[in-house]
Protein backbone atom coordinates (compact mmCIF):
# COMPACT_ATOMS: atom_id res chain seq x y z
CA MET A 1 103.61 122.02 302.41
CA SER A 2 100.75 123.59 304.94
CA LEU A 3 100.58 127.32 304.40
CA LYS A 4 100.60 129.88 306.88
CA ILE A 5 98.13 132.99 307.11
CA ARG A 6 100.38 136.24 306.72
CA SER A 7 96.87 138.46 306.81
CA ILE A 8 93.49 138.35 306.30
CA TRP A 9 91.76 141.04 304.11
CA ASP A 10 87.62 142.00 303.82
CA ASN A 11 86.74 144.44 301.04
CA ASN A 12 83.04 144.66 302.49
CA GLY A 13 81.49 142.68 299.32
CA GLU A 14 83.05 145.07 296.91
CA THR A 15 84.19 142.00 294.45
CA THR A 16 82.85 138.50 294.57
CA ASP A 17 85.88 137.31 296.36
CA ARG A 18 85.27 139.40 299.33
CA TYR A 19 87.82 137.78 301.31
CA THR A 20 91.52 137.39 300.73
CA ILE A 21 93.99 135.71 302.60
CA VAL A 22 97.62 136.09 302.15
CA THR A 23 100.02 133.56 302.56
CA ASN A 24 103.51 133.03 303.38
CA TYR A 25 104.52 131.47 300.30
CA GLN A 26 106.23 133.33 297.45
CA ASP A 27 107.06 131.52 294.38
CA SER A 28 110.74 132.09 293.37
CA GLY A 29 109.28 133.26 289.77
CA ARG A 30 106.78 135.97 291.30
CA GLU A 31 108.79 136.93 294.33
CA LYS A 32 108.29 141.01 293.24
CA ASP A 33 105.75 142.89 291.01
CA PHE A 34 106.58 145.32 288.52
CA ASN A 35 107.04 147.92 290.99
CA GLY A 36 109.19 145.90 293.55
CA HIS A 37 106.14 144.88 295.95
CA PRO A 38 106.37 141.48 297.34
CA VAL A 39 104.02 138.97 295.85
CA PHE A 40 102.29 136.30 297.90
CA LEU A 41 100.11 132.94 297.47
CA ALA A 42 96.33 134.20 298.37
CA LEU A 43 93.20 132.38 298.45
CA SER A 44 90.46 134.50 297.60
CA ILE A 45 87.26 133.43 298.82
CA ASN A 46 83.53 134.27 299.54
CA GLN A 47 80.56 133.56 302.34
CA ASN A 48 79.00 131.07 299.50
CA TYR A 49 82.33 129.12 298.79
CA ASN A 50 80.43 125.99 298.68
CA SER A 51 77.51 127.04 296.47
CA PRO A 52 77.71 127.43 292.50
CA GLN A 53 77.94 131.38 292.96
CA GLY A 54 80.49 131.33 295.75
CA GLY A 55 84.24 130.80 295.03
CA SER A 56 87.38 129.57 296.88
CA MET A 57 90.32 129.90 294.38
CA PHE A 58 93.92 130.39 294.46
CA GLY A 59 96.25 133.12 293.31
CA TYR A 60 99.00 135.67 293.69
CA CYS A 61 98.81 138.97 295.20
CA VAL A 62 100.27 142.41 296.51
CA GLU A 63 99.40 142.54 300.34
CA GLY A 64 97.79 146.05 301.17
CA ASP A 65 94.92 147.81 302.00
CA HIS A 66 93.66 148.10 298.17
CA LEU A 67 92.45 144.28 299.33
CA GLY A 68 90.22 146.00 302.00
CA LYS A 69 90.36 146.30 305.66
CA LYS A 70 92.80 144.12 307.49
CA ILE A 71 90.93 141.62 309.88
CA GLY A 72 91.56 138.46 312.08
CA LEU A 73 90.53 134.90 311.43
CA LYS A 74 88.44 134.94 314.49
CA ASP A 75 85.98 137.87 312.46
CA LEU A 76 85.12 135.09 309.92
CA SER A 77 82.44 132.15 310.49
CA LEU A 78 83.60 129.41 312.07
CA GLU A 79 82.56 127.15 309.07
CA LEU A 80 84.91 129.80 307.40
CA GLN A 81 87.53 129.51 309.18
CA GLY A 82 87.29 125.56 309.04
CA HIS A 83 87.25 125.67 305.00
CA ILE A 84 90.11 128.23 304.75
CA ILE A 85 92.28 126.17 307.40
CA ALA A 86 91.58 123.06 305.03
CA ARG A 87 92.59 124.85 301.92
CA LEU A 88 95.81 125.86 303.35
CA LYS A 89 96.92 122.05 304.57
């Protein structure tokens, strides 16, 4: 399955996983959170994803500005874009 990007969020480094890439995928067991908000599979990542101090991991989240500022894929470095696209395939 190839995942599609719904939105990308940048929290400007407030957490180690600075970027959250929200996908279109919803697990049938996790479609909504306790407040009724849709829950999506997301990739949390930072600029140093390929170093021991870096991170690139999947989890579930509710989409929204609590994740930071909404940005576009082109706002990220070409290297980071390539990594994200590869992880979503």
